[in-house]
Amino acid sequence: MGQEPPGKKRRAKKRGRKSTRAAKLVDGYLERKPRKLLESQFEEIEGVLPYQRGVYALYDHGELYYVGIARTRLAGRVRHHTRDKHSKKWNAFSIYACKSTQAIEALEQLFLRIARPSGNSQIRSLRSPDLTRKLHQRARELRKLLKSQLH
């Protein structure tokens, strides 16, 4: 067996497991921060974001009110909501900075479909099939099979 050079440690191999990594969608975030922080430290918030695009959420006393995306100027997009039709309807925010524009759009649609926040009026369809019809078809087939076995 060969000798390891002095000062170099040998790594133990993991047996039977493959190294798997989940896709990294979010590259940095600020979660459930008070609106006052956005108003008082806007430049600092912009400065710490690794990317200027991402998904954001607005909260009204702890309840999700609105979900949106920003392809540019993420913190600026959230700050804009302090002066638009949503301005009086939220008091906290979350920001999730993302590298991928496609990930941003997919995350927004998923969040909207799951949470159905009151401030969002439009929910687009997903690009994947709704499996409800398939589920009903399988249930009918199973009932038919069970019925035929009983007779």
Protein backbone atom coordinates (compact mmCIF):
# COMPACT_ATOMS: atom_id res chain seq x y z
CA MET A 1 0.00 0.00 0.00
CA GLY A 2 1.20 3.48 -0.83
CA GLN A 3 2.01 5.98 1.86
CA GLU A 4 0.08 9.25 2.06
CA PRO A 5 2.21 12.40 1.93
CA PRO A 6 2.75 13.96 5.37
CA GLY A 7 -0.01 16.39 6.37
CA LYS A 8 -2.54 14.96 3.90
CA LYS A 9 -5.49 13.13 5.37
CA ARG A 10 -7.13 10.22 3.65
CA ARG A 11 -10.88 10.49 3.02
CA ALA A 12 -13.02 7.54 3.95
CA LYS A 13 -15.21 6.31 1.12
CA LYS A 14 -18.92 6.08 1.71
CA ARG A 15 -20.12 2.71 0.59
CA GLY A 16 -23.45 1.98 -1.00
CA ARG A 17 -24.60 5.59 -1.34
CA LYS A 18 -24.41 7.87 -4.29
CA SER A 19 -23.74 11.51 -3.63
CA THR A 20 -26.90 13.40 -4.52
CA ARG A 21 -27.50 17.10 -4.33
CA ALA A 22 -30.81 18.89 -4.58
CA ALA A 23 -30.97 21.64 -7.16
CA LYS A 24 -30.19 25.00 -5.61
CA LEU A 25 -33.10 27.29 -6.42
CA VAL A 26 -32.57 30.06 -3.88
CA ASP A 27 -29.22 31.79 -3.56
CA GLY A 28 -30.06 33.97 -0.57
CA TYR A 29 -33.12 35.16 1.28
CA LEU A 30 -34.61 37.52 3.82
CA GLU A 31 -37.67 35.99 5.42
CA ARG A 32 -40.63 37.67 7.16
CA LYS A 33 -38.91 40.98 7.74
CA PRO A 34 -40.87 44.04 8.87
CA ARG A 35 -41.84 46.54 6.18
CA LYS A 36 -40.06 49.27 8.16
CA LEU A 37 -36.75 47.50 7.49
CA LEU A 38 -37.34 47.81 3.74
CA GLU A 39 -38.13 51.49 4.10
CA SER A 40 -35.21 52.33 6.42
CA GLN A 41 -32.46 50.08 4.95
CA PHE A 42 -33.33 49.73 1.28
CA GLU A 43 -29.78 50.27 -0.04
CA GLU A 44 -28.34 47.77 2.43
CA ILE A 45 -30.93 45.17 1.43
CA GLU A 46 -30.13 45.68 -2.25
CA GLY A 47 -26.44 45.37 -1.43
CA VAL A 48 -26.66 41.99 0.28
CA LEU A 49 -28.77 40.26 -2.37
CA PRO A 50 -26.63 37.90 -4.47
CA TYR A 51 -28.95 38.45 -7.47
CA GLN A 52 -31.43 41.17 -8.29
CA ARG A 53 -34.12 38.75 -9.44
CA GLY A 54 -36.28 36.36 -7.49
CA VAL A 55 -39.58 35.66 -5.78
CA TYR A 56 -41.06 37.75 -3.01
CA ALA A 57 -43.98 37.49 -0.62
CA LEU A 58 -45.95 40.16 1.22
CA TYR A 59 -47.65 39.37 4.53
CA ASP A 60 -50.51 40.98 6.40
CA HIS A 61 -50.05 40.29 10.12
CA GLY A 62 -48.44 36.89 9.48
CA GLU A 63 -50.85 35.79 6.72
CA LEU A 64 -49.57 35.50 3.17
CA TYR A 65 -51.17 38.32 1.19
CA TYR A 66 -49.31 38.45 -2.14
CA VAL A 67 -46.64 36.53 -4.09
CA GLY A 68 -44.71 38.10 -6.95
CA ILE A 69 -41.57 37.86 -9.04
CA ALA A 70 -38.95 40.33 -10.14
CA ARG A 71 -36.72 39.70 -13.14
CA THR A 72 -34.68 42.77 -12.18
CA ARG A 73 -34.41 45.02 -9.11
CA LEU A 74 -35.95 42.58 -6.63
CA ALA A 75 -35.85 44.88 -3.59
CA GLY A 76 -37.11 47.76 -5.75
CA ARG A 77 -40.09 45.69 -6.85
CA VAL A 78 -41.02 45.02 -3.24
CA ARG A 79 -40.51 48.71 -2.36
CA HIS A 80 -42.84 49.66 -5.24
CA HIS A 81 -45.65 47.89 -3.36
CA THR A 82 -45.33 50.53 -0.61
CA ARG A 83 -46.82 53.01 -3.11
CA ASP A 84 -49.28 50.98 -5.23
CA LYS A 85 -52.73 49.45 -4.70
CA HIS A 86 -51.23 46.94 -2.24
CA SER A 87 -49.57 49.60 -0.08
CA LYS A 88 -51.96 49.49 2.88
CA LYS A 89 -52.43 45.71 2.83
CA TRP A 90 -49.09 44.34 4.08
CA ASN A 91 -46.65 44.90 6.93
CA ALA A 92 -43.90 42.29 6.35
CA PHE A 93 -42.06 40.76 3.40
CA SER A 94 -39.84 37.89 2.31
CA ILE A 95 -37.33 37.98 -0.55
CA TYR A 96 -35.84 34.90 -2.23
CA ALA A 97 -33.02 35.73 -4.66
CA CYS A 98 -32.61 33.29 -7.57
CA LYS A 99 -30.11 32.95 -10.37
CA SER A 100 -32.49 31.30 -12.84
CA THR A 101 -35.38 33.24 -14.38
CA GLN A 102 -37.11 29.95 -15.22
CA ALA A 103 -36.91 28.86 -11.59
CA ILE A 104 -38.40 32.18 -10.50
CA GLU A 105 -41.44 31.79 -12.75
CA ALA A 106 -41.97 28.15 -11.77
CA LEU A 107 -41.71 28.94 -8.05
CA GLU A 108 -44.17 31.81 -8.32
CA GLN A 109 -46.76 29.65 -10.06
CA LEU A 110 -46.33 26.86 -7.54
CA PHE A 111 -46.67 29.23 -4.58
CA LEU A 112 -49.76 30.84 -6.09
CA ARG A 113 -51.44 27.49 -6.67
CA ILE A 114 -50.64 26.21 -3.18
CA ALA A 115 -51.39 29.31 -1.09
CA ARG A 116 -53.89 31.25 -3.24
CA PRO A 117 -53.03 34.57 -1.55
CA SER A 118 -55.86 37.11 -1.46
CA GLY A 119 -53.78 39.85 -3.12
CA ASN A 120 -53.11 37.82 -6.27
CA SER A 121 -55.96 37.74 -8.77
CA GLN A 122 -54.36 35.80 -11.64
CA ILE A 123 -53.21 32.21 -11.40
CA ARG A 124 -51.91 30.75 -14.65
CA SER A 125 -52.11 27.09 -15.53
CA LEU A 126 -49.17 24.81 -14.93
CA ARG A 127 -47.26 23.29 -17.83
CA SER A 128 -47.74 19.81 -16.45
CA PRO A 129 -50.85 17.64 -16.76
CA ASP A 130 -53.62 17.60 -14.17
CA LEU A 131 -53.78 13.98 -13.02
CA THR A 132 -57.38 14.08 -11.74
CA ARG A 133 -58.89 12.44 -14.83
CA LYS A 134 -56.26 9.71 -14.75
CA LEU A 135 -56.94 9.10 -11.04
CA HIS A 136 -60.70 8.75 -11.67
CA GLN A 137 -60.04 6.36 -14.56
CA ARG A 138 -57.84 4.14 -12.38
CA ALA A 139 -60.45 4.13 -9.60
CA ARG A 140 -63.16 3.06 -12.11
CA GLU A 141 -60.92 0.28 -13.42
CA LEU A 142 -60.24 -0.95 -9.88
CA ARG A 143 -63.95 -0.94 -8.97
CA LYS A 144 -64.74 -2.84 -12.18
CA LEU A 145 -62.03 -5.41 -11.41
CA LEU A 146 -63.26 -5.90 -7.82
CA LYS A 147 -66.85 -6.23 -9.02
CA SER A 148 -65.88 -8.90 -11.57
CA GLN A 149 -63.97 -10.88 -8.90
CA LEU A 150 -66.96 -10.86 -6.55
CA HIS A 151 -69.32 -12.34 -9.17
